Amino acid sequence: MKRLWPFLLSGILLCVIGAVWTLQGLNVLRGSAMSGSSLWGTIGPVVLIVGVILIVVGFLRRRAK
């Protein structure tokens, strides 16, 4: 179970950050210099996908053991 936590925690953190960046880039969350910027609307989903991949890899490594 110890091998799952680094992947799970970093994956969840990246998912949250990616979701916030996506919402700011799409101008759903306002009040930031990132609001309404298409750059963050593109970077956010990429970070979100990396977070999901880390979570999946953590669970697959745990299952393989």
PDB file of N, CA and C in Angstrom:
ATOM      1  N   MET A   1       0.822  -1.197   0.000  1.00  0.00           N
ATOM      2  CA  MET A   1       0.000   0.000   0.000  1.00  0.00           C
ATOM      3  C   MET A   1       0.866   1.260   0.000  1.00  0.00           C
ATOM      4  N   LYS A   2       2.085   1.185   0.510  1.00  0.00           N
ATOM      5  CA  LYS A   2       2.945   2.352   0.588  1.00  0.00           C
ATOM      6  C   LYS A   2       3.304   2.890  -0.794  1.00  0.00           C
ATOM      7  N   ARG A   3       3.373   2.024  -1.787  1.00  0.00           N
ATOM      8  CA  ARG A   3       3.768   2.454  -3.116  1.00  0.00           C
ATOM      9  C   ARG A   3       2.655   3.215  -3.825  1.00  0.00           C
ATOM     10  N   LEU A   4       1.445   3.096  -3.359  1.00  0.00           N
ATOM     11  CA  LEU A   4       0.319   3.770  -3.987  1.00  0.00           C
ATOM     12  C   LEU A   4       0.264   5.251  -3.627  1.00  0.00           C
ATOM     13  N   TRP A   5       0.619   5.607  -2.405  1.00  0.00           N
ATOM     14  CA  TRP A   5       0.409   6.960  -1.907  1.00  0.00           C
ATOM     15  C   TRP A   5       1.132   8.046  -2.688  1.00  0.00           C
ATOM     16  N   PRO A   6       2.402   7.878  -3.071  1.00  0.00           N
ATOM     17  CA  PRO A   6       3.039   8.963  -3.841  1.00  0.00           C
ATOM     18  C   PRO A   6       2.336   9.230  -5.171  1.00  0.00           C
ATOM     19  N   PHE A   7       1.933   8.172  -5.846  1.00  0.00           N
ATOM     20  CA  PHE A   7       1.227   8.331  -7.114  1.00  0.00           C
ATOM     21  C   PHE A   7      -0.156   8.939  -6.899  1.00  0.00           C
ATOM     22  N   LEU A   8      -0.847   8.464  -5.893  1.00  0.00           N
ATOM     23  CA  LEU A   8      -2.203   8.926  -5.633  1.00  0.00           C
ATOM     24  C   LEU A   8      -2.220  10.395  -5.213  1.00  0.00           C
ATOM     25  N   LEU A   9      -1.366  10.770  -4.289  1.00  0.00           N
ATOM     26  CA  LEU A   9      -1.352  12.155  -3.813  1.00  0.00           C
ATOM     27  C   LEU A   9      -0.917  13.133  -4.894  1.00  0.00           C
ATOM     28  N   SER A  10       0.141  12.788  -5.623  1.00  0.00           N
ATOM     29  CA  SER A  10       0.579  13.694  -6.688  1.00  0.00           C
ATOM     30  C   SER A  10      -0.438  13.733  -7.819  1.00  0.00           C
ATOM     31  N   GLY A  11      -1.091  12.621  -8.103  1.00  0.00           N
ATOM     32  CA  GLY A  11      -2.118  12.595  -9.138  1.00  0.00           C
ATOM     33  C   GLY A  11      -3.324  13.440  -8.771  1.00  0.00           C
ATOM     34  N   ILE A  12      -3.771  13.342  -7.531  1.00  0.00           N
ATOM     35  CA  ILE A  12      -4.908  14.151  -7.081  1.00  0.00           C
ATOM     36  C   ILE A  12      -4.550  15.631  -7.110  1.00  0.00           C
ATOM     37  N   LEU A  13      -3.351  15.968  -6.655  1.00  0.00           N
ATOM     38  CA  LEU A  13      -2.913  17.359  -6.663  1.00  0.00           C
ATOM     39  C   LEU A  13      -2.873  17.915  -8.085  1.00  0.00           C
ATOM     40  N   LEU A  14      -2.329  17.142  -9.023  1.00  0.00           N
ATOM     41  CA  LEU A  14      -2.268  17.599 -10.406  1.00  0.00           C
ATOM     42  C   LEU A  14      -3.663  17.711 -11.018  1.00  0.00           C
ATOM     43  N   CYS A  15      -4.569  16.818 -10.652  1.00  0.00           N
ATOM     44  CA  CYS A  15      -5.947  16.899 -11.156  1.00  0.00           C
ATOM     45  C   CYS A  15      -6.636  18.174 -10.681  1.00  0.00           C
ATOM     46  N   VAL A  16      -6.452  18.508  -9.428  1.00  0.00           N
ATOM     47  CA  VAL A  16      -7.071  19.725  -8.890  1.00  0.00           C
ATOM     48  C   VAL A  16      -6.476  20.969  -9.548  1.00  0.00           C
ATOM     49  N   ILE A  17      -5.155  21.006  -9.645  1.00  0.00           N
ATOM     50  CA  ILE A  17      -4.494  22.154 -10.272  1.00  0.00           C
ATOM     51  C   ILE A  17      -4.911  22.270 -11.731  1.00  0.00           C
ATOM     52  N   GLY A  18      -4.946  21.145 -12.438  1.00  0.00           N
ATOM     53  CA  GLY A  18      -5.347  21.161 -13.839  1.00  0.00           C
ATOM     54  C   GLY A  18      -6.778  21.623 -14.032  1.00  0.00           C
ATOM     55  N   ALA A  19      -7.660  21.207 -13.133  1.00  0.00           N
ATOM     56  CA  ALA A  19      -9.058  21.632 -13.226  1.00  0.00           C
ATOM     57  C   ALA A  19      -9.185  23.139 -12.988  1.00  0.00           C
ATOM     58  N   VAL A  20      -8.475  23.655 -11.989  1.00  0.00           N
ATOM     59  CA  VAL A  20      -8.525  25.092 -11.701  1.00  0.00           C
ATOM     60  C   VAL A  20      -7.966  25.882 -12.885  1.00  0.00           C
ATOM     61  N   TRP A  21      -6.832  25.455 -13.431  1.00  0.00           N
ATOM     62  CA  TRP A  21      -6.235  26.156 -14.568  1.00  0.00           C
ATOM     63  C   TRP A  21      -7.152  26.120 -15.778  1.00  0.00           C
ATOM     64  N   THR A  22      -7.823  24.987 -16.000  1.00  0.00           N
ATOM     65  CA  THR A  22      -8.744  24.885 -17.124  1.00  0.00           C
ATOM     66  C   THR A  22      -9.906  25.849 -16.949  1.00  0.00           C
ATOM     67  N   LEU A  23     -10.486  25.868 -15.762  1.00  0.00           N
ATOM     68  CA  LEU A  23     -11.619  26.756 -15.504  1.00  0.00           C
ATOM     69  C   LEU A  23     -11.212  28.225 -15.601  1.00  0.00           C
ATOM     70  N   GLN A  24     -10.009  28.543 -15.159  1.00  0.00           N
ATOM     71  CA  GLN A  24      -9.541  29.920 -15.293  1.00  0.00           C
ATOM     72  C   GLN A  24      -9.297  30.267 -16.758  1.00  0.00           C
ATOM     73  N   GLY A  25      -8.725  29.349 -17.497  1.00  0.00           N
ATOM     74  CA  GLY A  25      -8.475  29.592 -18.909  1.00  0.00           C
ATOM     75  C   GLY A  25      -9.757  29.752 -19.707  1.00  0.00           C
ATOM     76  N   LEU A  26     -10.812  29.059 -19.295  1.00  0.00           N
ATOM     77  CA  LEU A  26     -12.104  29.169 -19.965  1.00  0.00           C
ATOM     78  C   LEU A  26     -12.935  30.334 -19.428  1.00  0.00           C
ATOM     79  N   ASN A  27     -12.363  31.095 -18.517  1.00  0.00           N
ATOM     80  CA  ASN A  27     -12.989  32.268 -17.910  1.00  0.00           C
ATOM     81  C   ASN A  27     -14.212  31.921 -17.060  1.00  0.00           C
ATOM     82  N   VAL A  28     -14.219  30.709 -16.509  1.00  0.00           N
ATOM     83  CA  VAL A  28     -15.279  30.324 -15.574  1.00  0.00           C
ATOM     84  C   VAL A  28     -14.925  30.842 -14.180  1.00  0.00           C
ATOM     85  N   LEU A  29     -13.673  30.670 -13.776  1.00  0.00           N
ATOM     86  CA  LEU A  29     -13.165  31.249 -12.527  1.00  0.00           C
ATOM     87  C   LEU A  29     -12.460  32.554 -12.870  1.00  0.00           C
ATOM     88  N   ARG A  30     -12.948  33.624 -12.329  1.00  0.00           N
ATOM     89  CA  ARG A  30     -12.392  34.938 -12.659  1.00  0.00           C
ATOM     90  C   ARG A  30     -11.579  35.484 -11.504  1.00  0.00           C
ATOM     91  N   GLY A  31     -10.909  36.575 -11.765  1.00  0.00           N
ATOM     92  CA  GLY A  31     -10.174  37.254 -10.707  1.00  0.00           C
ATOM     93  C   GLY A  31      -8.698  36.943 -10.700  1.00  0.00           C
ATOM     94  N   SER A  32      -8.178  36.463 -11.809  1.00  0.00           N
ATOM     95  CA  SER A  32      -6.768  36.127 -11.888  1.00  0.00           C
ATOM     96  C   SER A  32      -6.230  36.606 -13.235  1.00  0.00           C
ATOM     97  N   ALA A  33      -4.930  36.757 -13.321  1.00  0.00           N
ATOM     98  CA  ALA A  33      -4.312  37.109 -14.599  1.00  0.00           C
ATOM     99  C   ALA A  33      -4.468  35.974 -15.606  1.00  0.00           C
ATOM    100  N   MET A  34      -4.719  34.769 -15.108  1.00  0.00           N
ATOM    101  CA  MET A  34      -4.884  33.601 -15.974  1.00  0.00           C
ATOM    102  C   MET A  34      -6.309  33.508 -16.532  1.00  0.00           C
ATOM    103  N   SER A  35      -7.230  34.262 -16.007  1.00  0.00           N
ATOM    104  CA  SER A  35      -8.626  34.182 -16.424  1.00  0.00           C
ATOM    105  C   SER A  35      -8.778  34.630 -17.871  1.00  0.00           C
ATOM    106  N   GLY A  36      -9.429  33.791 -18.653  1.00  0.00           N
ATOM    107  CA  GLY A  36      -9.699  34.118 -20.042  1.00  0.00           C
ATOM    108  C   GLY A  36      -8.530  33.893 -20.977  1.00  0.00           C
ATOM    109  N   SER A  37      -7.428  33.326 -20.488  1.00  0.00           N
ATOM    110  CA  SER A  37      -6.246  33.092 -21.313  1.00  0.00           C
ATOM    111  C   SER A  37      -6.320  31.702 -21.923  1.00  0.00           C
ATOM    112  N   SER A  38      -6.222  31.647 -23.244  1.00  0.00           N
ATOM    113  CA  SER A  38      -6.298  30.347 -23.915  1.00  0.00           C
ATOM    114  C   SER A  38      -5.093  29.460 -23.588  1.00  0.00           C
ATOM    115  N   LEU A  39      -3.984  30.076 -23.191  1.00  0.00           N
ATOM    116  CA  LEU A  39      -2.812  29.292 -22.794  1.00  0.00           C
ATOM    117  C   LEU A  39      -3.151  28.377 -21.618  1.00  0.00           C
ATOM    118  N   TRP A  40      -3.819  28.915 -20.609  1.00  0.00           N
ATOM    119  CA  TRP A  40      -4.167  28.125 -19.428  1.00  0.00           C
ATOM    120  C   TRP A  40      -5.331  27.193 -19.726  1.00  0.00           C
ATOM    121  N   GLY A  41      -6.144  27.545 -20.688  1.00  0.00           N
ATOM    122  CA  GLY A  41      -7.199  26.647 -21.134  1.00  0.00           C
ATOM    123  C   GLY A  41      -6.643  25.431 -21.847  1.00  0.00           C
ATOM    124  N   THR A  42      -5.413  25.514 -22.319  1.00  0.00           N
ATOM    125  CA  THR A  42      -4.738  24.394 -22.970  1.00  0.00           C
ATOM    126  C   THR A  42      -3.851  23.625 -21.993  1.00  0.00           C
ATOM    127  N   ILE A  43      -3.119  24.331 -21.155  1.00  0.00           N
ATOM    128  CA  ILE A  43      -2.215  23.686 -20.196  1.00  0.00           C
ATOM    129  C   ILE A  43      -2.998  22.919 -19.135  1.00  0.00           C
ATOM    130  N   GLY A  44      -4.121  23.453 -18.698  1.00  0.00           N
ATOM    131  CA  GLY A  44      -4.918  22.833 -17.640  1.00  0.00           C
ATOM    132  C   GLY A  44      -5.330  21.400 -17.945  1.00  0.00           C
ATOM    133  N   PRO A  45      -5.941  21.126 -19.107  1.00  0.00           N
ATOM    134  CA  PRO A  45      -6.322  19.737 -19.403  1.00  0.00           C
ATOM    135  C   PRO A  45      -5.131  18.793 -19.507  1.00  0.00           C
ATOM    136  N   VAL A  46      -3.996  19.303 -19.986  1.00  0.00           N
ATOM    137  CA  VAL A  46      -2.799  18.465 -20.069  1.00  0.00           C
ATOM    138  C   VAL A  46      -2.351  18.047 -18.671  1.00  0.00           C
ATOM    139  N   VAL A  47      -2.325  18.995 -17.748  1.00  0.00           N
ATOM    140  CA  VAL A  47      -1.939  18.694 -16.363  1.00  0.00           C
ATOM    141  C   VAL A  47      -2.958  17.747 -15.732  1.00  0.00           C
ATOM    142  N   LEU A  48      -4.223  17.953 -16.022  1.00  0.00           N
ATOM    143  CA  LEU A  48      -5.285  17.080 -15.507  1.00  0.00           C
ATOM    144  C   LEU A  48      -5.097  15.647 -16.003  1.00  0.00           C
ATOM    145  N   ILE A  49      -4.791  15.477 -17.269  1.00  0.00           N
ATOM    146  CA  ILE A  49      -4.580  14.140 -17.834  1.00  0.00           C
ATOM    147  C   ILE A  49      -3.355  13.478 -17.217  1.00  0.00           C
ATOM    148  N   VAL A  50      -2.293  14.237 -16.993  1.00  0.00           N
ATOM    149  CA  VAL A  50      -1.100  13.679 -16.341  1.00  0.00           C
ATOM    150  C   VAL A  50      -1.446  13.207 -14.930  1.00  0.00           C
ATOM    151  N   GLY A  51      -2.267  13.964 -14.226  1.00  0.00           N
ATOM    152  CA  GLY A  51      -2.696  13.546 -12.889  1.00  0.00           C
ATOM    153  C   GLY A  51      -3.498  12.264 -12.920  1.00  0.00           C
ATOM    154  N   VAL A  52      -4.407  12.126 -13.879  1.00  0.00           N
ATOM    155  CA  VAL A  52      -5.192  10.895 -14.000  1.00  0.00           C
ATOM    156  C   VAL A  52      -4.277   9.721 -14.327  1.00  0.00           C
ATOM    157  N   ILE A  53      -3.303   9.943 -15.205  1.00  0.00           N
ATOM    158  CA  ILE A  53      -2.361   8.868 -15.551  1.00  0.00           C
ATOM    159  C   ILE A  53      -1.574   8.427 -14.325  1.00  0.00           C
ATOM    160  N   LEU A  54      -1.141   9.363 -13.496  1.00  0.00           N
ATOM    161  CA  LEU A  54      -0.408   8.991 -12.276  1.00  0.00           C
ATOM    162  C   LEU A  54      -1.276   8.162 -11.336  1.00  0.00           C
ATOM    163  N   ILE A  55      -2.531   8.520 -11.202  1.00  0.00           N
ATOM    164  CA  ILE A  55      -3.438   7.750 -10.345  1.00  0.00           C
ATOM    165  C   ILE A  55      -3.612   6.340 -10.892  1.00  0.00           C
ATOM    166  N   VAL A  56      -3.816   6.218 -12.186  1.00  0.00           N
ATOM    167  CA  VAL A  56      -4.003   4.897 -12.805  1.00  0.00           C
ATOM    168  C   VAL A  56      -2.735   4.060 -12.675  1.00  0.00           C
ATOM    169  N   VAL A  57      -1.580   4.663 -12.914  1.00  0.00           N
ATOM    170  CA  VAL A  57      -0.320   3.931 -12.789  1.00  0.00           C
ATOM    171  C   VAL A  57      -0.121   3.453 -11.358  1.00  0.00           C
ATOM    172  N   GLY A  58      -0.447   4.274 -10.383  1.00  0.00           N
ATOM    173  CA  GLY A  58      -0.325   3.856  -8.991  1.00  0.00           C
ATOM    174  C   GLY A  58      -1.191   2.653  -8.673  1.00  0.00           C
ATOM    175  N   PHE A  59      -2.436   2.651  -9.153  1.00  0.00           N
ATOM    176  CA  PHE A  59      -3.312   1.517  -8.899  1.00  0.00           C
ATOM    177  C   PHE A  59      -2.866   0.273  -9.659  1.00  0.00           C
ATOM    178  N   LEU A  60      -2.363   0.453 -10.873  1.00  0.00           N
ATOM    179  CA  LEU A  60      -1.881  -0.705 -11.631  1.00  0.00           C
ATOM    180  C   LEU A  60      -0.636  -1.313 -11.005  1.00  0.00           C
ATOM    181  N   ARG A  61       0.255  -0.482 -10.495  1.00  0.00           N
ATOM    182  CA  ARG A  61       1.454  -1.004  -9.826  1.00  0.00           C
ATOM    183  C   ARG A  61       1.082  -1.749  -8.550  1.00  0.00           C
ATOM    184  N   ARG A  62       0.072  -1.246  -7.855  1.00  0.00           N
ATOM    185  CA  ARG A  62      -0.375  -1.919  -6.636  1.00  0.00           C
ATOM    186  C   ARG A  62      -1.008  -3.265  -6.951  1.00  0.00           C
ATOM    187  N   ARG A  63      -1.789  -3.310  -8.020  1.00  0.00           N
ATOM    188  CA  ARG A  63      -2.468  -4.542  -8.409  1.00  0.00           C
ATOM    189  C   ARG A  63      -1.461  -5.592  -8.899  1.00  0.00           C
ATOM    190  N   ALA A  64      -0.393  -5.164  -9.567  1.00  0.00           N
ATOM    191  CA  ALA A  64       0.597  -6.093 -10.100  1.00  0.00           C
ATOM    192  C   ALA A  64       1.402  -6.759  -8.991  1.00  0.00           C
ATOM    193  N   LYS A  65       1.477  -6.143  -7.859  1.00  0.00           N
ATOM    194  CA  LYS A  65       2.262  -6.706  -6.761  1.00  0.00           C
ATOM    195  C   LYS A  65       1.566  -7.812  -6.086  1.00  0.00           C
TER     196      LYS A  65
END
